[in-house]
Amino acid sequence: MSTSNVSDSQAYPSPSEAPISKISLLTMFRLGLYQMGLGMMSVLFLGVLNRAMIGNLAIPATIAAGAIAAHQFVAPARVWFGQMSDSRPIAGYHRTGYVWLGTTLFAIASFLAVQVMWRLGAAVQAAGGWAWNTETYLWTALLAAVFALYGMALSAGSTPFAALLVDVSDETNRPKLIGVVWSMLMVGIVVGAILISILLKRLTLNTPLDILQAAINRVFVIVPAIVIGLAVLATAGVEKKYSLYGLRSSLADREDKITLGRALRVLTASRQTGIFFTFLLVMTISLFMQDAVLEPYGAKVFSMEFSKTTLLNAFWGTGTLIGISSAGFLVVPRLGKQQTAKVGCLLVAACFVLLIAAGFTANQTALKAVVFVFGLASGITTTGALSLMLDLTAAETAGTFIGAWGLAQAMARALSTVAGGTVLDIGNKLFAVPVLSYGLVFAVQAVGMIVAVGLLSRVNVAEFQSNAKAAIATVMGNELD
């Protein structure tokens, strides 16, 4: 597919002929299949690659986590791809072509990343751990570059998809659509974990490297192929039938045309925005530092096989799904959004203490139970934080604010992955017992969650709502002068 100069009118009706059909619940679940695919891909990277690099190939955790995080450090490209999908349609469609092309490219990039990983592992073993040489540094740089390409392709597909969700919905059905689609992401994590566990079931702790390599290569062919199919099934025909993009773009100056300079001034117009931005960074980093170390933790401390460590994602995903649902219907209405986020952060901190305690028992059942409870706490925290985020979003510049929150979370996820690997390597140098090395990571996360609670206590929604509109109006007014 190539970018064309086909006018919108060839794919979109005129305002008077704009589609009036509203998406059904079945179509919402169809769209959710794309997010389901992204959930499956996340298990591939955080449930398979990090385990293979750290646990099987003896690649230092800092290097492994840093390479994986490269795909998140290119998150600013989301803004560019979003603007591209607005202004340069592919085959007459603003979203679908980008979704399909991006999905295909990140599927290919994921397989390439695995091949580079094997070469890096061989080079590291030849060099002997941290005694690195030019070859290991070159393979590390190439692996990070491939992950960055994966991240770019992911942005090229996922950002236009998010825009498609806006295009096909309105204020009345958008909350339901977002809820369905986001839940499908968790379903994808659970399904992906189970599928990958089945595909890798024959691997043991002592499986020869050549057999391990063949098995993982096979997984990185099968799962990405399924994800491409899900992307096509999720979006085929949806944009043509339901998109209101042409109507909306003809009636209003779209927010995504706000310049970067104006966006930054809008984001700094309220003191509360900065406080919440900092809270979001600290909370996200503290919540996801274990992404790069949880599966190796299961292998080193609990002697779990490859298929069993991958299944940890299913326990976490199931807990998170239940946590989100229960928090939205039971906790938030009773405690409020801010208090729910606080309780969630404290529960997550307690779970990290339990993860350390489980390590001293070396009991696999205990680990699975704690990971499930950790998922519940994560779901409660996420629901409270996301609900509060919407209260701290000015309606006049909603796209700018949501984009900023999304960028903050993406960058924090990247930093958390690197931080988790780095702290683990520090722990390995300080302690001879693996449970203490991994425990150091969880302890840092617990402290981070307590700091996040302190920051959250300073968030004042009333203050934001009382002065944000005036501050934003001033910024906009200055831009017009």
Protein backbone atom coordinates (compact mmCIF):
# COMPACT_ATOMS: atom_id res chain seq x y z
CA MET A 1 0.00 0.00 0.00
CA SER A 2 1.18 3.48 -0.70
CA THR A 3 0.07 6.85 0.52
CA SER A 4 -2.20 8.42 -2.04
CA ASN A 5 -3.61 11.85 -2.69
CA VAL A 6 -7.17 10.58 -3.06
CA SER A 7 -9.59 13.18 -1.75
CA ASP A 8 -11.71 12.42 1.28
CA SER A 9 -14.86 12.56 -0.81
CA GLN A 10 -13.93 9.34 -2.58
CA ALA A 11 -14.07 7.38 0.67
CA TYR A 12 -16.24 9.57 2.89
CA PRO A 13 -19.68 10.96 2.14
CA SER A 14 -20.47 14.63 2.25
CA PRO A 15 -21.77 16.02 5.56
CA SER A 16 -25.36 15.72 4.37
CA GLU A 17 -24.76 12.09 3.44
CA ALA A 18 -22.68 11.22 6.50
CA PRO A 19 -23.25 7.76 7.96
CA ILE A 20 -25.96 7.71 10.60
CA SER A 21 -25.47 4.11 11.75
CA LYS A 22 -24.16 3.69 15.26
CA ILE A 23 -21.77 0.88 16.01
CA SER A 24 -23.34 -2.12 17.68
CA LEU A 25 -21.96 -4.01 20.66
CA LEU A 26 -20.81 -6.73 18.26
CA THR A 27 -18.81 -4.16 16.27
CA MET A 28 -17.27 -2.87 19.49
CA PHE A 29 -16.04 -6.36 20.29
CA ARG A 30 -14.83 -6.67 16.69
CA LEU A 31 -12.73 -3.54 17.13
CA GLY A 32 -11.49 -4.97 20.40
CA LEU A 33 -9.84 -7.82 18.48
CA TYR A 34 -7.08 -5.39 17.48
CA GLN A 35 -6.35 -4.60 21.12
CA MET A 36 -6.51 -8.30 21.85
CA GLY A 37 -3.70 -8.76 19.33
CA LEU A 38 -1.63 -6.06 21.03
CA GLY A 39 -2.10 -7.86 24.34
CA MET A 40 -0.79 -11.07 22.78
CA MET A 41 2.25 -9.22 21.41
CA SER A 42 3.03 -7.76 24.83
CA VAL A 43 3.23 -11.29 26.24
CA LEU A 44 5.69 -12.21 23.49
CA PHE A 45 8.05 -9.43 24.48
CA LEU A 46 7.67 -9.26 28.25
CA GLY A 47 6.85 -12.92 28.82
CA VAL A 48 9.18 -14.65 26.36
CA LEU A 49 12.01 -12.43 25.15
CA ASN A 50 13.02 -11.02 28.51
CA ARG A 51 12.92 -14.52 30.06
CA ALA A 52 15.06 -15.90 27.21
CA MET A 53 17.59 -13.06 27.32
CA ILE A 54 18.02 -12.91 31.10
CA GLY A 55 17.25 -16.47 32.12
CA ASN A 56 18.63 -18.52 29.22
CA LEU A 57 21.17 -16.43 27.32
CA ALA A 58 22.73 -14.77 30.39
CA ILE A 59 22.42 -11.31 28.83
CA PRO A 60 22.73 -8.72 31.64
CA ALA A 61 19.30 -7.54 32.77
CA THR A 62 20.18 -3.87 32.18
CA ILE A 63 21.06 -4.58 28.54
CA ALA A 64 18.01 -6.81 27.97
CA ALA A 65 15.58 -4.37 29.55
CA GLY A 66 17.18 -1.40 27.81
CA ALA A 67 16.88 -3.04 24.41
CA ILE A 68 13.23 -3.97 24.97
CA ALA A 69 12.45 -0.46 26.25
CA ALA A 70 13.73 1.06 22.99
CA HIS A 71 10.31 0.40 21.42
CA GLN A 72 8.71 2.61 24.08
CA PHE A 73 11.24 5.42 23.87
CA VAL A 74 10.05 6.19 20.33
CA ALA A 75 6.56 6.96 21.68
CA PRO A 76 6.73 10.63 20.54
CA ALA A 77 6.32 9.26 17.00
CA ARG A 78 2.67 8.67 17.92
CA VAL A 79 1.97 12.37 17.46
CA TRP A 80 3.48 12.35 13.96
CA PHE A 81 1.64 9.21 12.86
CA GLY A 82 -1.60 10.63 14.21
CA GLN A 83 -1.16 13.76 12.12
CA MET A 84 -0.20 11.64 9.09
CA SER A 85 -3.39 9.62 9.34
CA ASP A 86 -5.39 12.85 9.53
CA SER A 87 -3.82 14.51 6.52
CA ARG A 88 -2.57 11.75 4.21
CA PRO A 89 -5.08 8.92 3.68
CA ILE A 90 -4.01 5.55 2.29
CA ALA A 91 -6.24 4.38 -0.56
CA GLY A 92 -8.77 7.00 0.47
CA TYR A 93 -9.01 5.93 4.12
CA HIS A 94 -7.47 7.80 7.02
CA ARG A 95 -7.14 4.96 9.52
CA THR A 96 -7.54 1.44 8.13
CA GLY A 97 -4.52 1.43 5.82
CA TYR A 98 -2.22 2.67 8.59
CA VAL A 99 -3.56 0.01 10.98
CA TRP A 100 -2.92 -2.80 8.51
CA LEU A 101 0.46 -1.54 7.37
CA GLY A 102 1.68 -0.83 10.90
CA THR A 103 0.54 -4.26 12.15
CA THR A 104 2.31 -6.06 9.32
CA LEU A 105 5.52 -4.13 9.91
CA PHE A 106 5.64 -4.69 13.68
CA ALA A 107 4.93 -8.40 13.15
CA ILE A 108 7.96 -8.62 10.85
CA ALA A 109 10.08 -6.52 13.22
CA SER A 110 9.25 -8.83 16.14
CA PHE A 111 10.63 -11.85 14.26
CA LEU A 112 13.77 -9.91 13.29
CA ALA A 113 14.28 -8.94 16.93
CA VAL A 114 14.36 -12.61 17.94
CA GLN A 115 17.00 -13.42 15.34
CA VAL A 116 19.22 -10.59 16.54
CA MET A 117 18.66 -11.74 20.13
CA TRP A 118 20.14 -15.17 19.37
CA ARG A 119 23.24 -13.57 17.83
CA LEU A 120 23.64 -11.26 20.83
CA GLY A 121 23.30 -14.22 23.21
CA ALA A 122 26.00 -16.14 21.38
CA ALA A 123 28.29 -13.10 21.43
CA VAL A 124 27.70 -12.53 25.18
CA GLN A 125 28.47 -16.16 26.02
CA ALA A 126 31.64 -16.02 23.93
CA ALA A 127 32.70 -12.80 25.70
CA GLY A 128 31.80 -14.11 29.16
CA GLY A 129 29.05 -12.08 30.84
CA TRP A 130 30.02 -8.47 31.50
CA ALA A 131 33.41 -8.82 29.75
CA TRP A 132 32.03 -7.27 26.61
CA ASN A 133 33.74 -6.44 23.34
CA THR A 134 33.02 -4.65 20.08
CA GLU A 135 30.89 -7.50 18.72
CA THR A 136 28.56 -7.61 21.73
CA TYR A 137 28.14 -3.83 21.67
CA LEU A 138 27.29 -3.90 17.96
CA TRP A 139 24.71 -6.66 18.39
CA THR A 140 23.21 -4.78 21.36
CA ALA A 141 22.93 -1.61 19.28
CA LEU A 142 21.31 -3.55 16.44
CA LEU A 143 18.84 -5.21 18.81
CA ALA A 144 17.85 -1.82 20.25
CA ALA A 145 17.46 -0.46 16.70
CA VAL A 146 15.15 -3.34 15.72
CA PHE A 147 13.08 -2.78 18.85
CA ALA A 148 12.89 0.92 17.98
CA LEU A 149 11.63 -0.01 14.51
CA TYR A 150 9.07 -2.27 16.18
CA GLY A 151 7.96 0.67 18.31
CA MET A 152 7.66 2.94 15.27
CA ALA A 153 5.54 0.35 13.44
CA LEU A 154 3.43 -0.14 16.56
CA SER A 155 2.82 3.62 16.74
CA ALA A 156 1.96 3.69 13.03
CA GLY A 157 -0.83 1.19 13.63
CA SER A 158 -2.07 1.82 17.17
CA THR A 159 -2.35 5.63 16.99
CA PRO A 160 -4.60 5.68 13.89
CA PHE A 161 -6.59 2.86 15.51
CA ALA A 162 -7.18 5.01 18.59
CA ALA A 163 -8.26 7.83 16.27
CA LEU A 164 -10.62 5.40 14.53
CA LEU A 165 -12.32 4.73 17.87
CA VAL A 166 -13.02 8.45 18.16
CA ASP A 167 -14.16 8.69 14.52
CA VAL A 168 -16.77 5.92 14.83
CA SER A 169 -18.22 6.95 18.20
CA ASP A 170 -19.81 9.91 19.94
CA GLU A 171 -20.23 11.07 23.52
CA THR A 172 -23.09 8.64 24.15
CA ASN A 173 -21.37 5.39 23.18
CA ARG A 174 -17.66 6.22 23.46
CA PRO A 175 -17.29 5.23 27.15
CA LYS A 176 -18.80 1.81 26.39
CA LEU A 177 -16.55 1.41 23.33
CA ILE A 178 -13.40 2.32 25.26
CA GLY A 179 -14.39 -0.04 28.07
CA VAL A 180 -14.94 -2.96 25.70
CA VAL A 181 -11.77 -2.34 23.70
CA TRP A 182 -9.56 -1.87 26.78
CA SER A 183 -10.97 -5.03 28.36
CA MET A 184 -10.10 -6.93 25.19
CA LEU A 185 -6.47 -5.89 25.71
CA MET A 186 -6.49 -7.77 29.00
CA VAL A 187 -8.21 -10.71 27.32
CA GLY A 188 -5.40 -10.71 24.76
CA ILE A 189 -2.81 -10.90 27.53
CA VAL A 190 -4.59 -13.87 29.09
CA VAL A 191 -5.21 -15.68 25.79
CA GLY A 192 -1.69 -14.93 24.59
CA ALA A 193 -0.16 -16.27 27.79
CA ILE A 194 -2.16 -19.50 27.54
CA LEU A 195 -1.43 -19.97 23.82
CA ILE A 196 2.29 -19.31 24.19
CA SER A 197 2.43 -21.57 27.25
CA ILE A 198 0.94 -24.38 25.16
CA LEU A 199 3.36 -23.76 22.29
CA LEU A 200 6.34 -23.81 24.68
CA LYS A 201 5.05 -26.59 26.94
CA ARG A 202 7.81 -29.05 26.04
CA LEU A 203 10.61 -26.72 27.09
CA THR A 204 12.27 -27.43 30.44
CA LEU A 205 14.91 -25.65 32.48
CA ASN A 206 17.57 -27.83 30.83
CA THR A 207 16.34 -27.68 27.23
CA PRO A 208 19.31 -27.40 24.81
CA LEU A 209 19.72 -23.98 23.23
CA ASP A 210 19.10 -25.17 19.67
CA ILE A 211 15.72 -26.68 20.62
CA LEU A 212 14.84 -23.56 22.61
CA GLN A 213 15.73 -21.40 19.61
CA ALA A 214 13.57 -23.43 17.22
CA ALA A 215 10.58 -23.36 19.60
CA ILE A 216 10.71 -19.61 20.19
CA ASN A 217 11.22 -18.88 16.48
CA ARG A 218 8.07 -20.89 15.79
CA VAL A 219 6.11 -18.89 18.37
CA PHE A 220 7.27 -15.63 16.77
CA VAL A 221 5.86 -16.80 13.44
CA ILE A 222 2.52 -18.16 14.66
CA VAL A 223 1.48 -15.43 17.11
CA PRO A 224 2.33 -12.38 14.91
CA ALA A 225 0.47 -14.06 12.01
CA ILE A 226 -2.60 -14.41 14.25
CA VAL A 227 -2.26 -10.75 15.28
CA ILE A 228 -2.22 -9.61 11.64
CA GLY A 229 -5.39 -11.63 11.01
CA LEU A 230 -7.07 -10.10 14.07
CA ALA A 231 -6.17 -6.58 12.89
CA VAL A 232 -7.77 -7.15 9.50
CA LEU A 233 -10.85 -8.82 11.02
CA ALA A 234 -11.22 -6.01 13.56
CA THR A 235 -11.16 -3.09 11.14
CA ALA A 236 -12.25 -4.32 7.69
CA GLY A 237 -15.16 -2.17 6.50
CA VAL A 238 -15.62 -0.38 9.83
CA GLU A 239 -14.18 2.98 8.75
CA LYS A 240 -16.22 3.09 5.55
CA LYS A 241 -19.49 2.30 7.29
CA TYR A 242 -19.22 4.16 10.58
CA SER A 243 -16.56 6.90 10.42
CA LEU A 244 -17.74 10.47 11.03
CA TYR A 245 -14.30 11.90 10.30
CA GLY A 246 -15.38 13.69 7.09
CA LEU A 247 -18.35 15.33 8.78
CA ARG A 248 -16.43 16.42 11.84
CA SER A 249 -13.40 17.73 9.99
CA SER A 250 -15.63 19.86 7.78
CA LEU A 251 -17.41 21.45 10.74
CA ALA A 252 -14.57 22.22 13.10
CA ASP A 253 -10.89 22.95 13.24
CA ARG A 254 -9.54 19.65 14.59
CA GLU A 255 -7.55 19.73 17.80
CA ASP A 256 -4.74 17.67 16.40
CA LYS A 257 -3.66 20.70 14.34
CA ILE A 258 -2.60 22.54 17.50
CA THR A 259 1.09 23.31 17.27
CA LEU A 260 3.58 21.71 19.63
CA GLY A 261 4.44 25.06 21.21
CA ARG A 262 0.79 25.83 21.96
CA ALA A 263 0.26 22.31 23.33
CA LEU A 264 3.15 22.72 25.77
CA ARG A 265 1.81 26.06 26.96
CA VAL A 266 -1.65 24.57 27.47
CA LEU A 267 -0.21 21.68 29.48
CA THR A 268 1.73 24.02 31.78
CA ALA A 269 -1.17 26.43 32.26
CA SER A 270 -2.32 24.74 35.47
CA ARG A 271 -0.16 23.83 38.48
CA GLN A 272 -2.34 20.79 39.07
CA THR A 273 -1.48 19.45 35.61
CA GLY A 274 2.19 19.32 36.57
CA ILE A 275 1.47 17.59 39.87
CA PHE A 276 -0.68 14.93 38.22
CA PHE A 277 1.85 14.51 35.42
CA THR A 278 4.53 13.78 38.03
CA PHE A 279 2.22 11.39 39.89
CA LEU A 280 1.49 9.54 36.66
CA LEU A 281 5.21 9.12 35.93
CA VAL A 282 6.08 7.87 39.43
CA MET A 283 3.05 5.56 39.63
CA THR A 284 3.63 4.03 36.18
CA ILE A 285 7.36 3.48 36.74
CA SER A 286 6.71 1.89 40.13
CA LEU A 287 3.88 -0.27 38.80
CA PHE A 288 5.75 -1.75 35.84
CA MET A 289 9.39 -2.10 36.95
CA GLN A 290 8.82 -5.85 37.37
CA ASP A 291 7.87 -6.25 33.69
CA ALA A 292 11.42 -7.24 32.76
CA VAL A 293 12.15 -9.37 35.85
CA LEU A 294 8.99 -11.24 36.90
CA GLU A 295 9.42 -14.22 34.55
CA PRO A 296 13.17 -14.56 35.31
CA TYR A 297 12.18 -14.35 39.02
CA GLY A 298 9.92 -17.36 38.51
CA ALA A 299 12.72 -19.23 36.77
CA LYS A 300 15.62 -18.42 39.12
CA VAL A 301 13.85 -18.46 42.48
CA PHE A 302 10.90 -20.82 41.90
CA SER A 303 12.51 -23.14 39.29
CA MET A 304 9.56 -22.66 36.96
CA GLU A 305 9.70 -23.90 33.37
CA PHE A 306 9.26 -21.59 30.38
CA SER A 307 5.56 -22.39 29.89
CA LYS A 308 4.80 -21.79 33.57
CA THR A 309 6.53 -18.40 33.79
CA THR A 310 4.63 -17.30 30.68
CA LEU A 311 1.37 -18.26 32.40
CA LEU A 312 2.13 -15.68 35.11
CA ASN A 313 0.86 -13.12 32.58
CA ALA A 314 -2.49 -14.93 32.53
CA PHE A 315 -2.81 -14.71 36.32
CA TRP A 316 -1.88 -11.02 36.26
CA GLY A 317 -4.17 -10.23 33.30
CA THR A 318 -7.14 -12.03 34.84
CA GLY A 319 -6.65 -10.20 38.13
CA THR A 320 -6.34 -6.86 36.35
CA LEU A 321 -9.53 -7.47 34.34
CA ILE A 322 -11.47 -8.30 37.51
CA GLY A 323 -9.88 -5.36 39.32
CA ILE A 324 -10.90 -2.89 36.62
CA SER A 325 -14.47 -4.19 36.49
CA SER A 326 -14.97 -4.29 40.25
CA ALA A 327 -13.37 -0.88 40.78
CA GLY A 328 -15.54 0.77 38.13
CA PHE A 329 -18.80 -0.61 39.51
CA LEU A 330 -18.10 -1.03 43.24
CA VAL A 331 -15.08 0.90 44.50
CA VAL A 332 -15.10 4.26 42.66
CA PRO A 333 -18.82 4.98 43.36
CA ARG A 334 -18.17 4.42 47.09
CA LEU A 335 -14.70 5.88 47.65
CA GLY A 336 -14.38 8.38 44.82
CA LYS A 337 -11.75 8.51 42.08
CA GLN A 338 -8.84 10.00 44.02
CA GLN A 339 -9.33 7.79 47.08
CA THR A 340 -9.63 4.72 44.84
CA ALA A 341 -6.28 5.55 43.24
CA LYS A 342 -4.70 5.97 46.70
CA VAL A 343 -6.06 2.65 47.97
CA GLY A 344 -4.91 0.97 44.77
CA CYS A 345 -1.36 2.31 45.15
CA LEU A 346 -1.19 1.09 48.76
CA LEU A 347 -2.49 -2.35 47.77
CA VAL A 348 0.12 -2.58 45.00
CA ALA A 349 2.86 -1.67 47.50
CA ALA A 350 1.62 -4.46 49.79
CA CYS A 351 1.69 -6.90 46.87
CA PHE A 352 5.36 -6.15 46.23
CA VAL A 353 6.09 -7.05 49.86
CA LEU A 354 4.16 -10.30 49.35
CA LEU A 355 6.18 -11.03 46.17
CA ILE A 356 9.36 -10.81 48.24
CA ALA A 357 7.88 -13.03 50.96
CA ALA A 358 6.76 -15.60 48.38
CA GLY A 359 10.35 -15.80 47.15
CA PHE A 360 11.55 -17.06 50.52
CA THR A 361 9.03 -19.90 50.35
CA ALA A 362 9.95 -20.80 46.73
CA ASN A 363 6.35 -22.02 46.43
CA GLN A 364 5.00 -21.70 42.89
CA THR A 365 1.36 -21.67 44.04
CA ALA A 366 2.11 -18.79 46.38
CA LEU A 367 3.72 -16.83 43.55
CA LYS A 368 0.73 -17.37 41.26
CA ALA A 369 -1.67 -16.26 44.00
CA VAL A 370 0.33 -13.09 44.71
CA VAL A 371 0.57 -12.26 41.00
CA PHE A 372 -3.22 -12.62 40.71
CA VAL A 373 -3.77 -10.30 43.70
CA PHE A 374 -1.20 -7.91 42.22
CA GLY A 375 -3.34 -7.84 39.07
CA LEU A 376 -6.42 -6.99 41.14
CA ALA A 377 -4.58 -4.12 42.84
CA SER A 378 -3.22 -2.91 39.48
CA GLY A 379 -6.75 -2.85 38.06
CA ILE A 380 -8.04 -0.78 40.97
CA THR A 381 -5.10 1.64 40.67
CA THR A 382 -5.52 1.99 36.92
CA THR A 383 -9.27 2.64 37.17
CA GLY A 384 -8.82 5.31 39.82
CA ALA A 385 -5.97 7.02 37.97
CA LEU A 386 -7.72 6.97 34.57
CA SER A 387 -10.95 8.32 36.06
CA LEU A 388 -9.03 11.09 37.79
CA MET A 389 -7.20 11.80 34.54
CA LEU A 390 -10.49 12.59 32.81
CA ASP A 391 -11.35 15.07 35.57
CA LEU A 392 -7.97 16.72 34.98
CA THR A 393 -8.54 17.08 31.23
CA ALA A 394 -9.80 20.39 29.88
CA ALA A 395 -12.64 19.89 27.41
CA GLU A 396 -11.36 22.70 25.20
CA THR A 397 -8.12 20.83 24.48
CA ALA A 398 -9.04 17.24 25.30
CA GLY A 399 -6.92 15.76 22.54
CA THR A 400 -3.84 17.61 23.71
CA PHE A 401 -4.31 16.49 27.31
CA ILE A 402 -5.08 12.86 26.48
CA GLY A 403 -2.06 12.83 24.17
CA ALA A 404 0.12 14.18 26.97
CA TRP A 405 -1.11 11.60 29.46
CA GLY A 406 -0.53 8.85 26.91
CA LEU A 407 2.99 10.07 26.17
CA ALA A 408 3.75 10.29 29.90
CA GLN A 409 2.65 6.70 30.40
CA ALA A 410 4.60 5.43 27.39
CA MET A 411 7.81 7.11 28.48
CA ALA A 412 7.30 5.95 32.05
CA ARG A 413 6.83 2.36 30.82
CA ALA A 414 10.13 2.64 28.96
CA LEU A 415 11.93 4.04 32.00
CA SER A 416 10.37 1.39 34.25
CA THR A 417 11.63 -1.44 32.04
CA VAL A 418 15.18 -0.06 32.07
CA ALA A 419 15.02 0.70 35.80
CA GLY A 420 13.86 -2.82 36.62
CA GLY A 421 16.76 -4.40 34.75
CA THR A 422 19.28 -1.97 36.23
CA VAL A 423 18.14 -2.49 39.81
CA LEU A 424 18.26 -6.27 39.27
CA ASP A 425 21.87 -6.06 38.06
CA ILE A 426 22.73 -3.95 41.12
CA GLY A 427 21.05 -6.56 43.29
CA ASN A 428 23.05 -9.33 41.64
CA LYS A 429 26.25 -7.51 42.53
CA LEU A 430 25.17 -6.82 46.12
CA PHE A 431 23.66 -10.20 46.98
CA ALA A 432 24.64 -13.79 46.29
CA VAL A 433 21.09 -15.08 46.79
CA PRO A 434 18.71 -14.50 43.83
CA VAL A 435 15.66 -13.88 46.03
CA LEU A 436 17.40 -10.83 47.53
CA SER A 437 18.44 -9.50 44.12
CA TYR A 438 14.91 -9.69 42.78
CA GLY A 439 13.51 -8.57 46.13
CA LEU A 440 15.46 -5.32 45.77
CA VAL A 441 13.46 -4.54 42.60
CA PHE A 442 10.14 -5.17 44.35
CA ALA A 443 11.22 -3.14 47.39
CA VAL A 444 12.06 -0.13 45.21
CA GLN A 445 8.65 -0.46 43.56
CA ALA A 446 6.90 -0.49 46.94
CA VAL A 447 8.70 2.69 47.99
CA GLY A 448 7.80 4.30 44.67
CA MET A 449 4.12 3.55 45.23
CA ILE A 450 4.26 5.24 48.65
CA VAL A 451 5.82 8.31 47.00
CA ALA A 452 3.02 8.24 44.40
CA VAL A 453 0.42 8.32 47.20
CA GLY A 454 2.13 11.42 48.60
CA LEU A 455 1.98 13.15 45.21
CA LEU A 456 -1.64 12.13 44.75
CA SER A 457 -2.52 13.80 48.05
CA ARG A 458 -1.48 17.12 46.51
CA VAL A 459 -3.81 16.76 43.52
CA ASN A 460 -6.78 19.11 43.79
CA VAL A 461 -9.39 18.59 41.09
CA ALA A 462 -11.45 21.58 42.20
CA GLU A 463 -8.45 23.87 41.85
CA PHE A 464 -7.75 22.55 38.36
CA GLN A 465 -11.33 22.96 37.21
CA SER A 466 -11.59 26.48 38.65
CA ASN A 467 -8.50 27.94 37.00
CA ALA A 468 -7.74 25.72 34.00
CA LYS A 469 -10.36 27.23 31.70
CA ALA A 470 -9.18 30.78 32.37
CA ALA A 471 -5.53 29.81 32.00
CA ILE A 472 -6.14 27.96 28.74
CA ALA A 473 -8.20 30.85 27.39
CA THR A 474 -5.26 33.14 28.13
CA VAL A 475 -2.84 30.85 26.32
CA MET A 476 -5.11 30.60 23.31
CA GLY A 477 -5.71 34.32 23.34
CA ASN A 478 -1.99 35.08 23.37
CA GLU A 479 -1.54 32.73 20.40
CA LEU A 480 -4.11 34.73 18.44
CA ASP A 481 -2.53 38.11 19.20
